[in-house]
Amino acid sequence: MTVKFDLDPTVPRVVIIAALLFLEGFCIPAYTVTQQGRFPEPVEWLTFVFGAAIQVGTYLLSFLGFGKSEEAKK
């Protein structure tokens, strides 16, 4: 078996990975708080969502390319 890198991921694959990253970024801190024996406060829920959104945003920004467009090159 060989390892092959897919340098051109499909849109569904990117969306699935982004959703899983969001869930991971949201659930792990929430799980940590509940393991302390208490329910998260509303501001903590907001922090969990904000942190997860930053993770997903960073992931999605990795697919943006920077450079001159084809029209600008001519």
Protein backbone atom coordinates (compact mmCIF):
# COMPACT_ATOMS: atom_id res chain seq x y z
CA MET A 1 0.00 0.00 0.00
CA THR A 2 1.36 3.42 -0.92
CA VAL A 3 0.51 6.83 0.46
CA LYS A 4 -0.77 9.25 -2.14
CA PHE A 5 -1.30 12.95 -1.45
CA ASP A 6 -4.37 14.53 -3.01
CA LEU A 7 -3.32 18.09 -3.79
CA ASP A 8 -6.68 18.98 -5.32
CA PRO A 9 -9.36 18.16 -2.71
CA THR A 10 -13.00 18.15 -3.67
CA VAL A 11 -15.50 20.61 -2.22
CA PRO A 12 -17.48 17.95 -0.27
CA ARG A 13 -14.25 16.72 1.35
CA VAL A 14 -13.31 20.27 2.40
CA VAL A 15 -16.80 20.87 3.83
CA ILE A 16 -16.78 17.59 5.77
CA ILE A 17 -13.35 18.31 7.25
CA ALA A 18 -14.44 21.87 8.14
CA ALA A 19 -17.54 20.53 9.91
CA LEU A 20 -15.46 17.99 11.84
CA LEU A 21 -12.99 20.70 12.85
CA PHE A 22 -15.86 22.86 14.10
CA LEU A 23 -17.27 19.99 16.15
CA GLU A 24 -13.85 19.23 17.58
CA GLY A 25 -13.23 22.88 18.43
CA PHE A 26 -16.63 23.13 20.11
CA CYS A 27 -17.01 19.79 21.86
CA ILE A 28 -13.58 19.38 23.45
CA PRO A 29 -13.76 22.59 25.55
CA ALA A 30 -17.40 21.86 26.45
CA TYR A 31 -16.43 18.34 27.50
CA THR A 32 -13.59 19.73 29.62
CA VAL A 33 -15.95 22.06 31.48
CA THR A 34 -18.53 19.34 32.10
CA GLN A 35 -15.80 17.05 33.44
CA GLN A 36 -15.29 19.63 36.18
CA GLY A 37 -18.81 18.87 37.35
CA ARG A 38 -20.54 22.03 36.19
CA PHE A 39 -22.59 23.26 33.26
CA PRO A 40 -20.94 25.90 31.02
CA GLU A 41 -22.06 29.50 31.43
CA PRO A 42 -23.52 31.38 28.42
CA VAL A 43 -20.28 33.32 27.91
CA GLU A 44 -18.38 30.01 27.82
CA TRP A 45 -20.71 28.66 25.12
CA LEU A 46 -19.99 31.78 23.09
CA THR A 47 -16.27 31.26 23.61
CA PHE A 48 -16.55 27.65 22.42
CA VAL A 49 -18.38 28.73 19.25
CA PHE A 50 -15.94 31.57 18.60
CA GLY A 51 -12.90 29.32 19.05
CA ALA A 52 -14.37 26.68 16.75
CA ALA A 53 -15.17 29.33 14.12
CA ILE A 54 -11.57 30.56 14.24
CA GLN A 55 -10.34 27.00 13.65
CA VAL A 56 -12.64 26.55 10.65
CA GLY A 57 -11.77 29.98 9.29
CA THR A 58 -8.07 29.21 9.47
CA TYR A 59 -8.62 25.88 7.73
CA LEU A 60 -10.68 27.42 4.93
CA LEU A 61 -8.20 30.28 4.43
CA SER A 62 -5.55 27.72 3.59
CA PHE A 63 -7.36 27.11 0.30
CA LEU A 64 -7.19 30.72 -0.85
CA GLY A 65 -4.50 31.54 -3.34
CA PHE A 66 -2.86 34.90 -3.64
CA GLY A 67 -1.40 36.24 -6.85
CA LYS A 68 -2.25 38.05 -10.00
CA SER A 69 -5.31 37.03 -11.95
CA GLU A 70 -5.00 35.82 -15.51
CA GLU A 71 -6.33 39.13 -16.86
CA ALA A 72 -3.81 41.14 -14.86
CA LYS A 73 -0.93 39.04 -16.19
CA LYS A 74 -1.65 40.01 -19.81
